[in-house]
Amino acid sequence: TWRGDLPEGYLFLTTDIKEALSYGKYIIPCELHRYDHIFFTTNSDNPSKAFDMDYGIDLEMPKKYHNLWQQFEESGKSSLIIKGNNKKWTIITNIHNIIPRTDLAKEFYSNY
């Protein structure tokens, strides 16, 4: 098997509300302190899965290995963005780069 651990101290964010809901009942919108990113594009409806496979979290080895995590670390950028199909993005950034927007979450859930 091919397996890896999640990068310690990093969070995975998504632009896909359905994907976010698959991880829990509540969604908290956030902003980033720093907006210097390294971008990669994948021909996938699930950019999180594409990253997982490339990183080694998934048991299935990708057909083409890109080493996205190492390229991100070497770039010195604050966030890694994997763009997928249908404007679905996965954003991976250090927890200290995230500003939770609980005000927006409260507004959303009060109208829900």
C-alpha atoms as a PDB file:
ATOM      1  CA  THR A   1       0.000   0.000   0.000  1.00  0.00           C
ATOM      2  CA  TRP A   2       1.000   3.599  -0.510  1.00  0.00           C
ATOM      3  CA  ARG A   3      -0.044   5.840   2.363  1.00  0.00           C
ATOM      4  CA  GLY A   4       0.963   9.210   3.818  1.00  0.00           C
ATOM      5  CA  ASP A   5       0.017  11.403   6.740  1.00  0.00           C
ATOM      6  CA  LEU A   6      -1.629  14.788   6.436  1.00  0.00           C
ATOM      7  CA  PRO A   7       0.759  17.733   6.721  1.00  0.00           C
ATOM      8  CA  GLU A   8       0.794  18.731  10.403  1.00  0.00           C
ATOM      9  CA  GLY A   9      -0.481  22.237  11.165  1.00  0.00           C
ATOM     10  CA  TYR A  10      -2.258  22.658   7.823  1.00  0.00           C
ATOM     11  CA  LEU A  11      -5.950  22.860   7.013  1.00  0.00           C
ATOM     12  CA  PHE A  12      -7.713  21.875   3.843  1.00  0.00           C
ATOM     13  CA  LEU A  13     -10.302  24.366   2.643  1.00  0.00           C
ATOM     14  CA  THR A  14     -12.686  24.028  -0.278  1.00  0.00           C
ATOM     15  CA  THR A  15     -14.780  26.231  -2.527  1.00  0.00           C
ATOM     16  CA  ASP A  16     -17.325  23.409  -2.856  1.00  0.00           C
ATOM     17  CA  ILE A  17     -20.039  23.632  -0.197  1.00  0.00           C
ATOM     18  CA  LYS A  18     -21.137  20.017  -0.767  1.00  0.00           C
ATOM     19  CA  GLU A  19     -17.620  18.787  -0.107  1.00  0.00           C
ATOM     20  CA  ALA A  20     -17.381  20.933   3.027  1.00  0.00           C
ATOM     21  CA  LEU A  21     -20.663  19.511   4.319  1.00  0.00           C
ATOM     22  CA  SER A  22     -19.340  15.976   3.844  1.00  0.00           C
ATOM     23  CA  TYR A  23     -16.891  16.676   6.704  1.00  0.00           C
ATOM     24  CA  GLY A  24     -19.430  17.980   9.201  1.00  0.00           C
ATOM     25  CA  LYS A  25     -22.742  19.656   9.837  1.00  0.00           C
ATOM     26  CA  TYR A  26     -21.456  23.219  10.010  1.00  0.00           C
ATOM     27  CA  ILE A  27     -19.378  25.313   7.629  1.00  0.00           C
ATOM     28  CA  ILE A  28     -17.306  28.287   8.703  1.00  0.00           C
ATOM     29  CA  PRO A  29     -16.229  30.651   5.927  1.00  0.00           C
ATOM     30  CA  CYS A  30     -12.695  31.982   6.230  1.00  0.00           C
ATOM     31  CA  GLU A  31     -10.260  34.448   4.788  1.00  0.00           C
ATOM     32  CA  LEU A  32      -6.522  34.172   4.467  1.00  0.00           C
ATOM     33  CA  HIS A  33      -3.966  36.514   6.040  1.00  0.00           C
ATOM     34  CA  ARG A  34      -1.597  36.131   3.095  1.00  0.00           C
ATOM     35  CA  TYR A  35      -2.649  35.641  -0.498  1.00  0.00           C
ATOM     36  CA  ASP A  36       0.552  34.436  -2.121  1.00  0.00           C
ATOM     37  CA  HIS A  37      -0.303  31.071  -3.627  1.00  0.00           C
ATOM     38  CA  ILE A  38       1.133  28.407  -5.838  1.00  0.00           C
ATOM     39  CA  PHE A  39      -1.506  27.028  -8.216  1.00  0.00           C
ATOM     40  CA  PHE A  40      -1.881  23.678  -9.922  1.00  0.00           C
ATOM     41  CA  THR A  41      -4.716  22.647 -12.200  1.00  0.00           C
ATOM     42  CA  THR A  42      -6.143  19.158 -12.346  1.00  0.00           C
ATOM     43  CA  ASN A  43      -8.715  17.701 -14.684  1.00  0.00           C
ATOM     44  CA  SER A  44     -10.813  16.398 -11.799  1.00  0.00           C
ATOM     45  CA  ASP A  45     -14.180  17.097 -10.236  1.00  0.00           C
ATOM     46  CA  ASN A  46     -12.534  16.444  -6.875  1.00  0.00           C
ATOM     47  CA  PRO A  47      -9.264  18.383  -6.461  1.00  0.00           C
ATOM     48  CA  SER A  48      -8.954  17.161  -2.839  1.00  0.00           C
ATOM     49  CA  LYS A  49      -8.844  13.563  -4.045  1.00  0.00           C
ATOM     50  CA  ALA A  50      -6.299  14.519  -6.718  1.00  0.00           C
ATOM     51  CA  PHE A  51      -4.067  15.996  -3.978  1.00  0.00           C
ATOM     52  CA  ASP A  52      -4.613  12.987  -1.691  1.00  0.00           C
ATOM     53  CA  MET A  53      -3.499  10.607  -4.416  1.00  0.00           C
ATOM     54  CA  ASP A  54      -0.450  12.728  -5.279  1.00  0.00           C
ATOM     55  CA  TYR A  55       0.521  13.145  -1.611  1.00  0.00           C
ATOM     56  CA  GLY A  56       0.061   9.468  -0.785  1.00  0.00           C
ATOM     57  CA  ILE A  57      -2.990   9.626   1.477  1.00  0.00           C
ATOM     58  CA  ASP A  58      -4.993   7.527  -0.942  1.00  0.00           C
ATOM     59  CA  LEU A  59      -4.137   3.857  -1.384  1.00  0.00           C
ATOM     60  CA  GLU A  60      -4.209   4.228  -5.159  1.00  0.00           C
ATOM     61  CA  MET A  61      -1.010   5.498  -6.785  1.00  0.00           C
ATOM     62  CA  PRO A  62      -1.715   8.159  -9.428  1.00  0.00           C
ATOM     63  CA  LYS A  63      -0.841   7.458 -13.040  1.00  0.00           C
ATOM     64  CA  LYS A  64       1.279  10.593 -13.091  1.00  0.00           C
ATOM     65  CA  TYR A  65       2.989  11.777  -9.888  1.00  0.00           C
ATOM     66  CA  HIS A  66       3.495  15.555  -9.628  1.00  0.00           C
ATOM     67  CA  ASN A  67       4.855  15.937  -6.072  1.00  0.00           C
ATOM     68  CA  LEU A  68       2.586  18.924  -5.397  1.00  0.00           C
ATOM     69  CA  TRP A  69       3.431  19.133  -1.696  1.00  0.00           C
ATOM     70  CA  GLN A  70       7.185  19.315  -2.266  1.00  0.00           C
ATOM     71  CA  GLN A  71       6.732  21.954  -4.973  1.00  0.00           C
ATOM     72  CA  PHE A  72       4.578  23.959  -2.539  1.00  0.00           C
ATOM     73  CA  GLU A  73       7.140  23.721   0.266  1.00  0.00           C
ATOM     74  CA  GLU A  74       9.961  24.747  -2.050  1.00  0.00           C
ATOM     75  CA  SER A  75       7.973  27.714  -3.399  1.00  0.00           C
ATOM     76  CA  GLY A  76       7.869  29.586  -0.077  1.00  0.00           C
ATOM     77  CA  LYS A  77       4.244  30.510  -0.797  1.00  0.00           C
ATOM     78  CA  SER A  78       1.627  30.619   1.965  1.00  0.00           C
ATOM     79  CA  SER A  79      -1.019  28.491   0.255  1.00  0.00           C
ATOM     80  CA  LEU A  80      -1.258  25.600  -2.159  1.00  0.00           C
ATOM     81  CA  ILE A  81      -4.284  25.753  -4.455  1.00  0.00           C
ATOM     82  CA  ILE A  82      -5.381  22.829  -6.576  1.00  0.00           C
ATOM     83  CA  LYS A  83      -7.934  23.931  -9.150  1.00  0.00           C
ATOM     84  CA  GLY A  84     -10.364  21.338 -10.439  1.00  0.00           C
ATOM     85  CA  ASN A  85     -13.295  21.310 -12.809  1.00  0.00           C
ATOM     86  CA  ASN A  86     -16.432  23.418 -12.245  1.00  0.00           C
ATOM     87  CA  LYS A  87     -14.598  26.086 -10.200  1.00  0.00           C
ATOM     88  CA  LYS A  88     -13.894  23.586  -7.404  1.00  0.00           C
ATOM     89  CA  TRP A  89     -10.694  24.398  -5.570  1.00  0.00           C
ATOM     90  CA  THR A  90      -8.864  22.829  -2.665  1.00  0.00           C
ATOM     91  CA  ILE A  91      -6.785  25.304  -0.668  1.00  0.00           C
ATOM     92  CA  ILE A  92      -4.142  24.007   1.735  1.00  0.00           C
ATOM     93  CA  THR A  93      -2.614  26.503   4.118  1.00  0.00           C
ATOM     94  CA  ASN A  94      -1.115  26.746   7.584  1.00  0.00           C
ATOM     95  CA  ILE A  95      -3.668  27.186  10.363  1.00  0.00           C
ATOM     96  CA  HIS A  96      -2.039  30.526  11.279  1.00  0.00           C
ATOM     97  CA  ASN A  97      -2.908  31.867   7.821  1.00  0.00           C
ATOM     98  CA  ILE A  98      -6.651  31.401   8.364  1.00  0.00           C
ATOM     99  CA  ILE A  99      -9.095  34.013   9.646  1.00  0.00           C
ATOM    100  CA  PRO A 100     -12.373  32.305  10.606  1.00  0.00           C
ATOM    101  CA  ARG A 101     -15.369  34.430   9.597  1.00  0.00           C
ATOM    102  CA  THR A 102     -17.814  33.399  12.305  1.00  0.00           C
ATOM    103  CA  ASP A 103     -19.803  36.562  11.575  1.00  0.00           C
ATOM    104  CA  LEU A 104     -20.624  35.210   8.101  1.00  0.00           C
ATOM    105  CA  ALA A 105     -21.370  31.764   9.522  1.00  0.00           C
ATOM    106  CA  LYS A 106     -23.806  33.233  12.062  1.00  0.00           C
ATOM    107  CA  GLU A 107     -25.542  35.225   9.338  1.00  0.00           C
ATOM    108  CA  PHE A 108     -25.806  32.149   7.100  1.00  0.00           C
ATOM    109  CA  TYR A 109     -27.153  29.839   9.832  1.00  0.00           C
ATOM    110  CA  SER A 110     -29.623  32.428  11.164  1.00  0.00           C
ATOM    111  CA  ASN A 111     -31.227  32.418   7.692  1.00  0.00           C
ATOM    112  CA  TYR A 112     -30.913  28.622   7.291  1.00  0.00           C
END
